[in-house]
Amino acid sequence: MADVDVLVVGAGPVGLTAAIELARRGVRCRIIDKLAEPMMYAKAVGIQPRTLEVWDAMGVVREALDAAEPMLGQQVYVNGREVSTMTLTLPPDVPYGFAALPQYEVERILTERLAGLGVRVERDARLVSFEQDAERVEAVVARGTGEADEQIRARYLIGCDGAHSVVRKTLGLTFEGDAFPDSYMIGDVELDWSLPRGYVIRSMHQTGGKTDELLVCVPLPGHKRYRISMLAPTNPDGTGTSTSTDAHAHADADTAAGNGSADGVRHGMQQGRAPELADLQDVLDRLSPEPVTADHLRWSSVFRISHRLVDHYGRGRVFIAGDAAHIHPPTGGQGMNTGIQDAYNLAWKLALAVEGHAAEGLLDSYEAERLPVAEEVVGRTVRHARSGIESDPDDPATVVKREAQLLVGYPDSPIVGPSTTRPSDAGALSAQPGGRAPDCQKLHSAIATYPFRLFDLLRGTGHTLLLYADGAATSAGSIFPQIAALAKERADGQLETYAVVPDGAGPTADGAMPPVVRDSAGQFRAAYGATGMEAILLRPDGYVGTRVALTEDGALLDHLNRIFASA
């Protein structure tokens, strides 16, 4: 008998997301972290619109919005001259924009949400080792400076323990990639300039078209606060950096602290002498688009950048997510967001497995869906780090949506489809199986007098089945109840159904009908390209699982057989 259903290793944003989503579904989980206290520096700051959609469903978006700073775009300067401005404009159906929120604030918000679900982070507790068999995982955990204080038996284990993951190493997964040769200085300061708030400032000095100095200033919540990063100046002999020649020499100290380079990975904050305000000001004096004084230094460090990717996202009953699986340049703020969505993808599948509801192969879809995403993100951020996001060859609207992670999809996943319908509107192609489920507004019910959003229906923990009928569908009232009942039975009760109809058409609510949602302004029809009578199944992570014509007998149940175990 296992002590717990799932052991989560690492209490950063990724591990906290996994634990929250498991706890929301009633899964018994524990979460441990080797740090005695959370880190209080802004390791990651960019929050993508897709992550805010995820937080909406998780119940933390209001707290995040209250604490965050709007991110409006990027201004690029070369040799003191402005060369481009990118404004982060999204389609009106996307409910959230871009935001800046330091990682320690993300962790605070998620930790409080997890505590509200009855689960607390166990700190100063590090994973020493684990073994697994066909039934369980046996993990050895040490607290403080001890070697082995507790043995935890779990049905599954998730390693969210960062770039130097003990879980990944124990599984024997490869972590191929390379490192950027340069070191960077980073600091949290106030800047007294007149440049517009909400814009990332990227300023470069180039000689012969090659960048030899770089300054990036990211706005943070608070009065004139920015996280500034820059190439660290080299030593006279051309090696190391003048502010932290110990970045390499302290590799042994880093390793002893659990964040070093014994595995060949040099990534993130390094030990050694931190840059002082004068070091940062020296670069600002050379690269800032206008004269500026940095003040109120809260913290600083030197960091290194690697780009690496695992060969597998887990083995047996053990999985990895976030930096344990992929690390890459911070360009575009993709790392933390990608890791959060790793955990969000895995948790609902793992919860079904814990409860005995998962079809064979469901857990395998985690790697099948997320590994290609990580591969694309690593490649893209490396290209952007070398040439700038403004060099992306795609049109600006596509670039912005990709950076917002709104174009992430799983069309080749083994657990999406089939599709016996195609959207009637070419603009609704994202609503195909494997695509992100679009939001839409101005929906109504028979009782509520205010309009609501489709996403308001998606805050549960199971699948959502939308049965659509347009004005010409006269038989919906007779077949919708039957389809809803069959689908819920096949999904072991892990499914909610709504009937979506235009105003003045289709069935009305009665005792047998699923709840009726009125598409008053036609936004659902437009967003999903819906026509006739069809069933659109939305997954717990907000992606379209399948869409089938209701004349295709058995197609919906065939899809549910891919997700849910046979009775």
Protein backbone atom coordinates (compact mmCIF):
# COMPACT_ATOMS: atom_id res chain seq x y z
CA MET A 1 0.00 0.00 0.00
CA ALA A 2 1.36 3.43 -0.99
CA ASP A 3 1.61 6.19 1.64
CA VAL A 4 0.51 8.76 -0.92
CA ASP A 5 -0.80 8.75 -4.48
CA VAL A 6 1.75 11.18 -5.96
CA LEU A 7 5.01 12.61 -4.62
CA VAL A 8 5.96 15.93 -6.26
CA VAL A 9 9.65 16.85 -6.02
CA GLY A 10 10.26 20.60 -6.31
CA ALA A 11 8.03 23.46 -5.17
CA GLY A 12 8.67 25.99 -7.90
CA PRO A 13 5.85 27.12 -10.20
CA VAL A 14 5.86 23.78 -12.04
CA GLY A 15 5.68 21.53 -9.00
CA LEU A 16 3.09 23.76 -7.34
CA THR A 17 0.92 23.63 -10.48
CA ALA A 18 1.08 19.83 -10.51
CA ALA A 19 0.21 19.60 -6.82
CA ILE A 20 -2.71 22.04 -7.12
CA GLU A 21 -4.23 20.23 -10.07
CA LEU A 22 -3.87 16.87 -8.34
CA ALA A 23 -5.32 18.18 -5.08
CA ARG A 24 -8.26 19.79 -6.93
CA ARG A 25 -9.12 16.31 -8.16
CA GLY A 26 -8.91 14.69 -4.73
CA VAL A 27 -5.56 12.98 -5.34
CA ARG A 28 -3.46 12.46 -2.21
CA CYS A 29 -0.15 14.17 -2.85
CA ARG A 30 2.90 15.46 -1.02
CA ILE A 31 5.28 18.10 -2.31
CA ILE A 32 8.85 18.52 -1.09
CA ASP A 33 11.54 21.10 -1.81
CA LYS A 34 15.22 21.12 -0.87
CA LEU A 35 15.21 24.85 -0.05
CA ALA A 36 14.43 25.88 3.50
CA GLU A 37 12.83 29.09 2.16
CA PRO A 38 11.65 30.17 -1.31
CA MET A 39 14.13 32.12 -3.43
CA MET A 40 13.39 35.83 -3.34
CA TYR A 41 14.86 36.87 -6.66
CA ALA A 42 13.11 37.21 -10.03
CA LYS A 43 14.50 34.17 -11.84
CA ALA A 44 11.56 34.34 -14.29
CA VAL A 45 9.16 37.24 -14.75
CA GLY A 46 7.16 36.91 -17.99
CA ILE A 47 3.61 35.51 -17.77
CA GLN A 48 2.02 34.52 -21.07
CA PRO A 49 -1.70 34.92 -21.87
CA ARG A 50 -2.10 31.14 -22.09
CA THR A 51 -0.75 30.76 -18.56
CA LEU A 52 -3.30 33.31 -17.33
CA GLU A 53 -6.01 31.20 -18.97
CA VAL A 54 -4.66 28.20 -17.07
CA TRP A 55 -4.66 30.17 -13.81
CA ASP A 56 -8.24 31.22 -14.50
CA ALA A 57 -9.26 27.56 -14.50
CA MET A 58 -7.09 26.87 -11.43
CA GLY A 59 -8.70 29.67 -9.42
CA VAL A 60 -5.70 31.98 -9.00
CA VAL A 61 -5.99 34.46 -11.86
CA ARG A 62 -7.45 37.28 -9.76
CA GLU A 63 -4.53 37.17 -7.32
CA ALA A 64 -2.08 37.10 -10.25
CA LEU A 65 -3.69 40.07 -12.00
CA ASP A 66 -3.66 42.09 -8.78
CA ALA A 67 0.06 41.50 -8.31
CA ALA A 68 1.28 41.75 -11.93
CA GLU A 69 2.46 44.54 -14.20
CA PRO A 70 1.08 44.78 -17.77
CA MET A 71 3.60 43.89 -20.47
CA LEU A 72 2.83 45.98 -23.56
CA GLY A 73 5.66 45.27 -25.96
CA GLN A 74 9.35 45.69 -26.74
CA GLN A 75 11.50 48.55 -27.97
CA VAL A 76 14.82 47.73 -29.62
CA TYR A 77 17.78 50.09 -29.86
CA VAL A 78 21.03 49.60 -31.76
CA ASN A 79 23.95 51.95 -31.14
CA GLY A 80 21.60 54.41 -29.40
CA ARG A 81 19.02 54.53 -32.21
CA GLU A 82 15.54 53.01 -31.95
CA VAL A 83 15.20 50.43 -34.72
CA SER A 84 11.89 48.73 -33.91
CA THR A 85 8.91 48.65 -31.60
CA MET A 86 6.78 45.55 -31.16
CA THR A 87 3.36 46.02 -29.59
CA LEU A 88 1.88 42.89 -28.06
CA THR A 89 -1.59 43.01 -29.60
CA LEU A 90 -3.84 39.97 -29.38
CA PRO A 91 -7.21 39.10 -30.95
CA PRO A 92 -10.24 40.34 -28.98
CA ASP A 93 -11.35 36.80 -28.11
CA VAL A 94 -8.19 36.24 -26.01
CA PRO A 95 -9.22 37.17 -22.46
CA TYR A 96 -5.79 38.09 -21.06
CA GLY A 97 -2.75 40.01 -22.22
CA PHE A 98 0.92 39.65 -21.33
CA ALA A 99 2.10 40.32 -17.79
CA ALA A 100 5.24 40.64 -15.69
CA LEU A 101 5.17 38.85 -12.34
CA PRO A 102 8.34 37.77 -10.53
CA GLN A 103 8.71 34.06 -9.90
CA TYR A 104 8.70 34.50 -6.13
CA GLU A 105 5.28 36.14 -6.39
CA VAL A 106 4.06 33.30 -8.61
CA GLU A 107 5.24 30.82 -5.99
CA ARG A 108 3.56 32.79 -3.19
CA ILE A 109 0.21 32.81 -5.00
CA LEU A 110 0.36 29.14 -5.95
CA THR A 111 1.55 28.10 -2.48
CA GLU A 112 -1.39 29.87 -0.88
CA ARG A 113 -3.79 28.20 -3.32
CA LEU A 114 -2.29 24.79 -2.55
CA ALA A 115 -2.56 25.39 1.20
CA GLY A 116 -6.22 26.24 0.69
CA LEU A 117 -6.61 22.75 -0.76
CA GLY A 118 -5.08 21.21 2.35
CA VAL A 119 -1.55 20.55 1.05
CA ARG A 120 1.53 22.30 2.42
CA VAL A 121 5.02 22.40 0.97
CA GLU A 122 7.50 20.32 2.97
CA ARG A 123 10.68 22.43 2.92
CA ASP A 124 14.29 21.59 3.65
CA ALA A 125 13.49 18.13 2.31
CA ARG A 126 15.52 16.76 -0.59
CA LEU A 127 15.12 13.63 -2.64
CA VAL A 128 18.11 11.35 -2.11
CA SER A 129 17.09 8.40 -4.28
CA PHE A 130 14.16 6.33 -5.48
CA GLU A 131 13.33 2.95 -6.94
CA GLN A 132 10.19 1.84 -8.73
CA ASP A 133 8.40 -1.36 -9.65
CA ALA A 134 5.12 -2.12 -11.38
CA GLU A 135 3.07 -1.01 -8.37
CA ARG A 136 4.79 1.90 -6.67
CA VAL A 137 7.77 4.23 -6.25
CA GLU A 138 9.92 4.04 -3.10
CA ALA A 139 11.59 7.42 -2.45
CA VAL A 140 14.22 8.26 0.17
CA VAL A 141 14.03 11.82 1.49
CA ALA A 142 16.55 13.63 3.70
CA ARG A 143 15.85 16.72 5.78
CA GLY A 144 18.37 19.37 6.67
CA THR A 145 21.88 17.96 6.48
CA GLY A 146 20.75 14.40 7.13
CA GLU A 147 21.29 11.54 4.71
CA ALA A 148 18.01 9.61 4.92
CA ASP A 149 15.18 10.62 7.23
CA GLU A 150 12.11 9.14 5.61
CA GLN A 151 11.03 6.60 3.05
CA ILE A 152 7.93 7.62 1.09
CA ARG A 153 5.93 5.10 -0.90
CA ALA A 154 3.96 6.71 -3.73
CA ARG A 155 2.02 5.34 -6.66
CA TYR A 156 3.65 7.96 -8.94
CA LEU A 157 6.44 10.56 -8.71
CA ILE A 158 6.82 13.84 -10.61
CA GLY A 159 10.25 15.46 -10.79
CA CYS A 160 9.94 19.24 -10.99
CA ASP A 161 13.38 19.69 -9.50
CA GLY A 162 15.04 21.93 -12.03
CA ALA A 163 17.95 21.86 -14.43
CA HIS A 164 20.06 19.64 -12.16
CA SER A 165 17.19 17.24 -11.52
CA VAL A 166 17.91 14.26 -9.28
CA VAL A 167 14.84 12.59 -10.78
CA ARG A 168 16.10 12.95 -14.35
CA LYS A 169 19.57 11.67 -13.44
CA THR A 170 18.19 8.70 -11.53
CA LEU A 171 16.02 7.73 -14.50
CA GLY A 172 19.13 7.86 -16.70
CA LEU A 173 17.57 10.24 -19.22
CA THR A 174 19.88 12.09 -21.60
CA PHE A 175 19.94 15.89 -21.47
CA GLU A 176 21.56 16.92 -24.71
CA GLY A 177 22.39 20.47 -25.65
CA ASP A 178 25.00 23.16 -25.34
CA ALA A 179 25.80 26.32 -23.42
CA PHE A 180 26.20 29.93 -24.46
CA PRO A 181 29.81 31.02 -23.94
CA ASP A 182 28.97 34.30 -22.23
CA SER A 183 28.10 35.13 -18.66
CA TYR A 184 25.48 37.75 -17.86
CA MET A 185 24.97 40.15 -15.00
CA ILE A 186 21.46 40.60 -13.67
CA GLY A 187 19.94 42.94 -11.11
CA ASP A 188 16.66 44.23 -9.70
CA VAL A 189 16.77 48.04 -9.64
CA GLU A 190 14.76 51.23 -10.04
CA LEU A 191 15.39 53.31 -13.18
CA ASP A 192 14.52 57.00 -13.30
CA TRP A 193 14.09 57.32 -17.06
CA SER A 194 11.21 58.65 -19.18
CA LEU A 195 10.77 55.58 -21.38
CA PRO A 196 7.20 54.23 -21.42
CA ARG A 197 6.21 51.71 -18.76
CA GLY A 198 5.25 48.23 -19.82
CA TYR A 199 7.86 47.88 -22.57
CA VAL A 200 10.90 45.63 -22.50
CA ILE A 201 13.91 47.71 -23.53
CA ARG A 202 16.51 45.80 -25.55
CA SER A 203 19.58 47.90 -26.34
CA MET A 204 22.64 46.65 -28.22
CA HIS A 205 25.97 47.95 -29.35
CA GLN A 206 27.03 46.45 -32.65
CA THR A 207 30.24 46.59 -34.60
CA GLY A 208 30.15 45.39 -38.18
CA GLY A 209 26.68 43.96 -37.60
CA LYS A 210 27.84 41.83 -34.65
CA THR A 211 26.51 42.50 -31.14
CA ASP A 212 29.32 43.03 -28.66
CA GLU A 213 27.25 44.52 -25.82
CA LEU A 214 23.65 43.87 -24.78
CA LEU A 215 21.24 45.36 -22.23
CA VAL A 216 17.73 44.05 -21.55
CA CYS A 217 15.39 45.82 -19.11
CA VAL A 218 12.15 44.07 -18.15
CA PRO A 219 9.51 46.03 -16.19
CA LEU A 220 8.51 44.62 -12.81
CA PRO A 221 5.60 45.47 -10.50
CA GLY A 222 6.51 48.40 -8.29
CA HIS A 223 7.68 51.99 -8.63
CA LYS A 224 10.08 52.24 -11.61
CA ARG A 225 11.28 48.69 -10.98
CA TYR A 226 13.11 46.73 -13.68
CA ARG A 227 15.02 43.50 -13.89
CA ILE A 228 18.05 44.42 -15.95
CA SER A 229 20.45 41.95 -17.53
CA MET A 230 23.54 42.50 -19.61
CA LEU A 231 26.61 40.77 -20.94
CA ALA A 232 29.19 40.61 -18.19
CA PRO A 233 32.46 42.32 -19.20
CA THR A 234 35.38 40.00 -19.90
CA ASN A 235 38.66 39.94 -18.04
CA PRO A 236 41.72 41.43 -19.68
CA ASP A 237 42.83 37.91 -20.72
CA GLY A 238 39.47 37.34 -22.43
CA THR A 239 38.29 34.63 -20.02
CA GLY A 240 35.55 34.68 -17.41
CA THR A 241 34.07 37.97 -16.28
CA SER A 242 35.57 40.84 -14.38
CA THR A 243 32.71 40.85 -11.85
CA SER A 244 32.65 37.11 -11.28
CA THR A 245 35.78 35.34 -12.35
CA ASP A 246 34.57 32.76 -9.83
CA ALA A 247 31.58 31.77 -12.04
CA HIS A 248 33.70 28.83 -13.22
CA ALA A 249 35.90 28.45 -10.16
CA HIS A 250 32.87 28.03 -7.90
CA ALA A 251 31.48 25.06 -9.83
CA ASP A 252 32.30 22.79 -6.88
CA ALA A 253 30.48 25.10 -4.49
CA ASP A 254 27.51 25.21 -6.84
CA THR A 255 27.45 21.43 -6.99
CA ALA A 256 27.59 21.15 -3.21
CA ALA A 257 24.64 23.53 -3.00
CA GLY A 258 22.67 21.36 -5.38
CA ASN A 259 22.61 23.83 -8.26
CA GLY A 260 26.00 23.32 -9.81
CA SER A 261 27.56 21.76 -12.84
CA ALA A 262 28.58 18.23 -11.92
CA ASP A 263 26.30 17.05 -14.73
CA GLY A 264 27.85 19.45 -17.21
CA VAL A 265 24.93 21.86 -17.09
CA ARG A 266 25.76 25.49 -16.36
CA HIS A 267 22.44 27.28 -16.23
CA GLY A 268 20.85 29.95 -14.09
CA MET A 269 22.22 31.88 -11.14
CA GLN A 270 25.86 31.24 -10.21
CA GLN A 271 27.64 31.56 -6.91
CA GLY A 272 30.48 34.01 -6.56
CA ARG A 273 30.70 37.77 -6.06
CA ALA A 274 27.46 39.42 -7.12
CA PRO A 275 27.66 42.53 -9.32
CA GLU A 276 27.44 45.80 -7.45
CA LEU A 277 25.30 48.77 -8.43
CA ALA A 278 28.34 50.43 -9.97
CA ASP A 279 28.88 47.42 -12.26
CA LEU A 280 25.31 47.67 -13.55
CA GLN A 281 25.46 51.45 -13.83
CA ASP A 282 28.60 51.22 -15.92
CA VAL A 283 26.74 49.25 -18.61
CA LEU A 284 23.67 51.49 -18.38
CA ASP A 285 25.90 54.51 -19.01
CA ARG A 286 27.03 52.96 -22.27
CA LEU A 287 23.83 51.34 -23.54
CA SER A 288 20.78 53.06 -22.06
CA PRO A 289 18.71 54.88 -24.74
CA GLU A 290 18.75 57.94 -22.50
CA PRO A 291 20.77 58.98 -19.44
CA VAL A 292 19.51 57.03 -16.45
CA THR A 293 20.49 56.35 -12.86
CA ALA A 294 19.94 52.94 -11.32
CA ASP A 295 19.02 52.93 -7.64
CA HIS A 296 17.65 50.72 -4.88
CA LEU A 297 19.44 47.51 -5.89
CA ARG A 298 17.44 44.67 -4.31
CA TRP A 299 19.55 41.76 -5.51
CA SER A 300 22.02 40.87 -8.25
CA SER A 301 23.81 37.86 -9.61
CA VAL A 302 25.72 36.43 -12.54
CA PHE A 303 24.02 33.77 -14.61
CA ARG A 304 24.78 31.38 -17.43
CA ILE A 305 22.49 30.10 -20.20
CA SER A 306 22.26 26.57 -21.53
CA HIS A 307 19.86 24.96 -23.95
CA ARG A 308 19.11 21.31 -23.35
CA LEU A 309 16.32 18.80 -23.94
CA VAL A 310 15.61 15.33 -22.56
CA ASP A 311 15.05 12.27 -24.70
CA HIS A 312 12.01 11.17 -22.67
CA TYR A 313 9.57 12.81 -20.25
CA GLY A 314 9.64 9.88 -17.85
CA ARG A 315 9.81 6.15 -17.38
CA GLY A 316 7.35 3.83 -15.73
CA ARG A 317 5.66 5.56 -12.82
CA VAL A 318 8.06 8.52 -12.75
CA PHE A 319 7.72 11.70 -14.83
CA ILE A 320 9.60 14.99 -15.17
CA ALA A 321 8.40 18.48 -16.02
CA GLY A 322 9.73 22.02 -16.43
CA ASP A 323 13.47 22.72 -16.24
CA ALA A 324 14.10 19.07 -15.40
CA ALA A 325 13.07 18.32 -19.00
CA HIS A 326 14.05 21.43 -20.97
CA ILE A 327 16.15 24.54 -20.41
CA HIS A 328 16.69 27.36 -22.85
CA PRO A 329 17.41 31.09 -23.10
CA PRO A 330 15.02 33.41 -21.25
CA THR A 331 14.10 35.18 -24.51
CA GLY A 332 10.36 35.77 -24.65
CA GLY A 333 9.73 34.43 -21.15
CA GLN A 334 8.93 30.91 -22.36
CA GLY A 335 10.57 28.71 -19.74
CA MET A 336 8.39 28.97 -16.65
CA ASN A 337 5.23 29.11 -18.78
CA THR A 338 6.19 25.99 -20.72
CA GLY A 339 6.88 24.14 -17.48
CA ILE A 340 3.56 25.19 -15.96
CA GLN A 341 1.79 23.79 -18.99
CA ASP A 342 3.81 20.55 -18.73
CA ALA A 343 2.37 20.08 -15.25
CA TYR A 344 -1.11 21.15 -16.31
CA ASN A 345 -1.07 18.58 -19.13
CA LEU A 346 0.16 15.76 -16.91
CA ALA A 347 -1.94 16.30 -13.79
CA TRP A 348 -5.40 15.54 -15.20
CA LYS A 349 -4.11 12.38 -16.86
CA LEU A 350 -2.34 11.25 -13.71
CA ALA A 351 -5.47 11.91 -11.64
CA LEU A 352 -7.49 9.63 -13.92
CA ALA A 353 -4.80 6.95 -13.59
CA VAL A 354 -4.81 7.21 -9.80
CA GLU A 355 -8.58 6.76 -9.70
CA GLY A 356 -8.45 3.84 -12.12
CA HIS A 357 -10.28 5.74 -14.88
CA ALA A 358 -7.41 6.10 -17.38
CA ALA A 359 -7.34 4.10 -20.59
CA GLU A 360 -4.16 2.21 -21.39
CA GLY A 361 -1.73 4.59 -23.03
CA LEU A 362 -3.22 7.79 -21.61
CA LEU A 363 -0.11 8.56 -19.55
CA ASP A 364 2.08 7.91 -22.61
CA SER A 365 0.35 10.85 -24.29
CA TYR A 366 2.09 13.22 -21.85
CA GLU A 367 5.44 12.74 -23.58
CA ALA A 368 3.85 12.47 -27.02
CA GLU A 369 2.24 15.89 -26.57
CA ARG A 370 4.75 17.87 -24.53
CA LEU A 371 8.16 16.75 -25.85
CA PRO A 372 7.55 18.24 -29.34
CA VAL A 373 6.43 21.48 -27.70
CA ALA A 374 9.62 21.69 -25.64
CA GLU A 375 11.73 20.92 -28.71
CA GLU A 376 10.12 23.79 -30.62
CA VAL A 377 10.49 26.21 -27.70
CA VAL A 378 14.17 25.38 -27.17
CA GLY A 379 14.96 25.85 -30.87
CA ARG A 380 13.02 29.09 -31.16
CA THR A 381 14.41 30.72 -28.02
CA VAL A 382 17.97 29.87 -29.05
CA ARG A 383 17.37 31.55 -32.45
CA HIS A 384 15.80 34.59 -30.79
CA ALA A 385 18.63 34.85 -28.26
CA ARG A 386 21.16 35.00 -31.08
CA SER A 387 19.27 37.23 -33.53
CA GLY A 388 16.44 38.86 -31.55
CA ILE A 389 12.73 38.11 -31.65
CA GLU A 390 12.31 40.88 -34.21
CA SER A 391 14.21 38.72 -36.70
CA ASP A 392 11.47 36.07 -36.71
CA PRO A 393 10.36 35.62 -40.34
CA ASP A 394 6.66 35.12 -39.55
CA ASP A 395 4.15 37.95 -39.66
CA PRO A 396 3.95 40.00 -36.42
CA ALA A 397 0.48 38.70 -35.46
CA THR A 398 1.68 35.10 -35.66
CA VAL A 399 4.84 35.90 -33.72
CA VAL A 400 2.85 37.50 -30.91
CA LYS A 401 0.37 34.62 -30.69
CA ARG A 402 3.22 32.11 -30.66
CA GLU A 403 5.03 34.00 -27.91
CA ALA A 404 1.71 34.08 -26.00
CA GLN A 405 1.72 30.25 -26.28
CA LEU A 406 -1.71 30.42 -27.89
CA LEU A 407 -0.52 28.37 -30.89
CA VAL A 408 0.60 25.38 -28.82
CA GLY A 409 -1.40 22.38 -29.97
CA TYR A 410 -1.41 18.60 -30.16
CA PRO A 411 -2.83 17.74 -33.60
CA ASP A 412 -0.69 14.59 -33.84
CA SER A 413 -1.48 13.34 -30.35
CA PRO A 414 -2.64 9.72 -30.06
CA ILE A 415 -5.54 10.81 -27.83
CA VAL A 416 -7.16 13.54 -29.97
CA GLY A 417 -9.65 13.06 -32.77
CA PRO A 418 -11.25 11.71 -34.77
CA SER A 419 -12.97 14.66 -36.38
CA THR A 420 -15.98 14.04 -38.58
CA THR A 421 -16.65 17.76 -38.95
CA ARG A 422 -14.63 20.75 -40.10
CA PRO A 423 -15.22 24.30 -38.92
CA SER A 424 -17.39 26.21 -41.36
CA ASP A 425 -15.18 29.28 -40.89
CA ALA A 426 -11.50 29.15 -41.87
CA GLY A 427 -10.79 31.50 -38.96
CA ALA A 428 -11.91 28.79 -36.53
CA LEU A 429 -9.27 26.21 -37.52
CA SER A 430 -7.80 26.37 -34.00
CA ALA A 431 -11.00 24.67 -32.85
CA GLN A 432 -9.96 21.44 -34.55
CA PRO A 433 -8.94 18.44 -32.38
CA GLY A 434 -5.65 19.13 -30.64
CA GLY A 435 -6.07 22.92 -30.85
CA ARG A 436 -6.57 25.33 -27.96
CA ALA A 437 -10.26 25.76 -27.20
CA PRO A 438 -11.16 29.37 -28.10
CA ASP A 439 -13.02 31.49 -25.59
CA CYS A 440 -16.16 33.42 -26.55
CA GLN A 441 -18.39 35.95 -24.82
CA LYS A 442 -22.03 37.01 -24.61
CA LEU A 443 -23.40 33.61 -23.69
CA HIS A 444 -26.60 33.48 -21.64
CA SER A 445 -28.60 31.03 -19.62
CA ALA A 446 -32.32 30.96 -18.93
CA ILE A 447 -31.84 32.27 -15.40
CA ALA A 448 -28.74 34.48 -15.25
CA THR A 449 -29.42 37.93 -16.68
CA TYR A 450 -25.74 38.79 -17.23
CA PRO A 451 -23.61 37.51 -20.15
CA PHE A 452 -20.81 35.08 -19.38
CA ARG A 453 -17.82 33.54 -21.15
CA LEU A 454 -17.32 30.00 -22.37
CA PHE A 455 -14.27 29.77 -20.12
CA ASP A 456 -16.62 30.26 -17.16
CA LEU A 457 -17.88 26.75 -17.88
CA LEU A 458 -14.39 25.23 -17.95
CA ARG A 459 -13.24 25.71 -14.34
CA GLY A 460 -14.11 22.17 -13.34
CA THR A 461 -11.73 19.23 -13.24
CA GLY A 462 -13.18 16.96 -15.93
CA HIS A 463 -14.01 17.03 -19.63
CA THR A 464 -16.69 19.35 -21.00
CA LEU A 465 -18.99 18.18 -23.79
CA LEU A 466 -20.63 20.91 -25.88
CA LEU A 467 -23.62 19.73 -27.95
CA TYR A 468 -24.29 22.32 -30.61
CA ALA A 469 -27.47 22.72 -32.65
CA ASP A 470 -28.12 25.54 -35.09
CA GLY A 471 -31.56 26.92 -35.98
CA ALA A 472 -32.18 24.21 -38.57
CA ALA A 473 -31.63 21.35 -36.11
CA THR A 474 -35.10 20.21 -35.08
CA SER A 475 -34.25 16.89 -33.42
CA ALA A 476 -31.71 18.16 -30.89
CA GLY A 477 -34.23 18.15 -28.07
CA SER A 478 -34.75 14.42 -28.47
CA ILE A 479 -31.17 13.23 -28.94
CA PHE A 480 -29.17 15.61 -26.70
CA PRO A 481 -30.28 13.95 -23.43
CA GLN A 482 -29.42 10.52 -24.77
CA ILE A 483 -25.96 11.57 -25.97
CA ALA A 484 -25.20 13.39 -22.71
CA ALA A 485 -26.14 10.33 -20.66
CA LEU A 486 -24.12 7.92 -22.79
CA ALA A 487 -21.03 10.16 -22.74
CA LYS A 488 -21.14 10.69 -18.98
CA GLU A 489 -21.49 6.96 -18.37
CA ARG A 490 -18.57 6.16 -20.68
CA ALA A 491 -16.44 8.82 -18.98
CA ASP A 492 -17.07 7.32 -15.54
CA GLY A 493 -18.87 10.51 -14.54
CA GLN A 494 -15.78 12.67 -15.28
CA LEU A 495 -17.65 14.87 -17.76
CA GLU A 496 -20.14 17.76 -17.82
CA THR A 497 -22.42 18.49 -20.78
CA TYR A 498 -23.95 21.74 -22.08
CA ALA A 499 -26.30 22.31 -25.00
CA VAL A 500 -25.22 25.38 -27.01
CA VAL A 501 -27.90 26.89 -29.27
CA PRO A 502 -28.59 30.22 -30.98
CA ASP A 503 -31.13 32.60 -29.47
CA GLY A 504 -34.67 31.66 -30.39
CA ALA A 505 -33.68 28.27 -31.85
CA GLY A 506 -33.02 24.74 -30.77
CA PRO A 507 -34.22 22.98 -27.64
CA THR A 508 -35.34 24.62 -24.44
CA ALA A 509 -34.33 23.44 -21.03
CA ASP A 510 -36.43 20.73 -19.45
CA GLY A 511 -35.81 18.01 -16.91
CA ALA A 512 -34.02 15.72 -19.36
CA MET A 513 -31.93 18.28 -21.21
CA PRO A 514 -28.38 19.19 -20.23
CA PRO A 515 -28.03 22.86 -19.20
CA VAL A 516 -28.77 25.11 -22.18
CA VAL A 517 -26.39 27.92 -23.12
CA ARG A 518 -27.65 30.57 -25.55
CA ASP A 519 -25.14 31.84 -28.10
CA SER A 520 -26.80 35.26 -28.12
CA ALA A 521 -24.29 37.10 -30.29
CA GLY A 522 -23.17 34.15 -32.44
CA GLN A 523 -19.66 34.27 -30.96
CA PHE A 524 -19.55 30.54 -30.26
CA ARG A 525 -20.65 29.73 -33.79
CA ALA A 526 -17.95 32.05 -35.16
CA ALA A 527 -15.16 30.91 -32.84
CA TYR A 528 -15.80 27.21 -33.43
CA GLY A 529 -17.19 27.35 -36.95
CA ALA A 530 -20.10 25.29 -35.64
CA THR A 531 -22.93 24.24 -37.93
CA GLY A 532 -25.77 21.70 -37.95
CA MET A 533 -25.58 19.36 -34.97
CA GLU A 534 -22.23 18.32 -33.55
CA ALA A 535 -20.47 17.35 -30.37
CA ILE A 536 -17.30 19.21 -29.35
CA LEU A 537 -15.39 17.65 -26.46
CA LEU A 538 -13.03 19.92 -24.50
CA ARG A 539 -10.28 18.39 -22.37
CA PRO A 540 -9.58 19.43 -18.77
CA ASP A 541 -6.50 21.36 -19.96
CA GLY A 542 -8.53 23.52 -22.36
CA TYR A 543 -7.81 21.75 -25.65
CA VAL A 544 -10.27 20.31 -28.14
CA GLY A 545 -10.31 16.54 -27.80
CA THR A 546 -12.65 15.74 -30.66
CA ARG A 547 -15.56 17.17 -32.65
CA VAL A 548 -17.98 14.85 -34.38
CA ALA A 549 -21.24 15.13 -36.23
CA LEU A 550 -24.05 13.66 -34.20
CA THR A 551 -25.09 11.66 -37.25
CA GLU A 552 -21.82 9.70 -36.89
CA ASP A 553 -23.05 7.05 -34.50
CA GLY A 554 -20.35 5.88 -32.10
CA ALA A 555 -17.62 8.39 -33.07
CA LEU A 556 -17.83 10.24 -29.75
CA LEU A 557 -17.72 7.02 -27.75
CA ASP A 558 -14.77 5.82 -29.82
CA HIS A 559 -12.87 8.91 -28.75
CA LEU A 560 -13.80 8.48 -25.08
CA ASN A 561 -12.40 4.95 -25.28
CA ARG A 562 -8.95 6.52 -25.84
CA ILE A 563 -9.22 8.45 -22.58
CA PHE A 564 -11.19 6.32 -20.15
CA ALA A 565 -10.67 2.73 -19.04
CA SER A 566 -13.19 0.09 -20.02
CA ALA A 567 -15.83 -0.61 -17.40
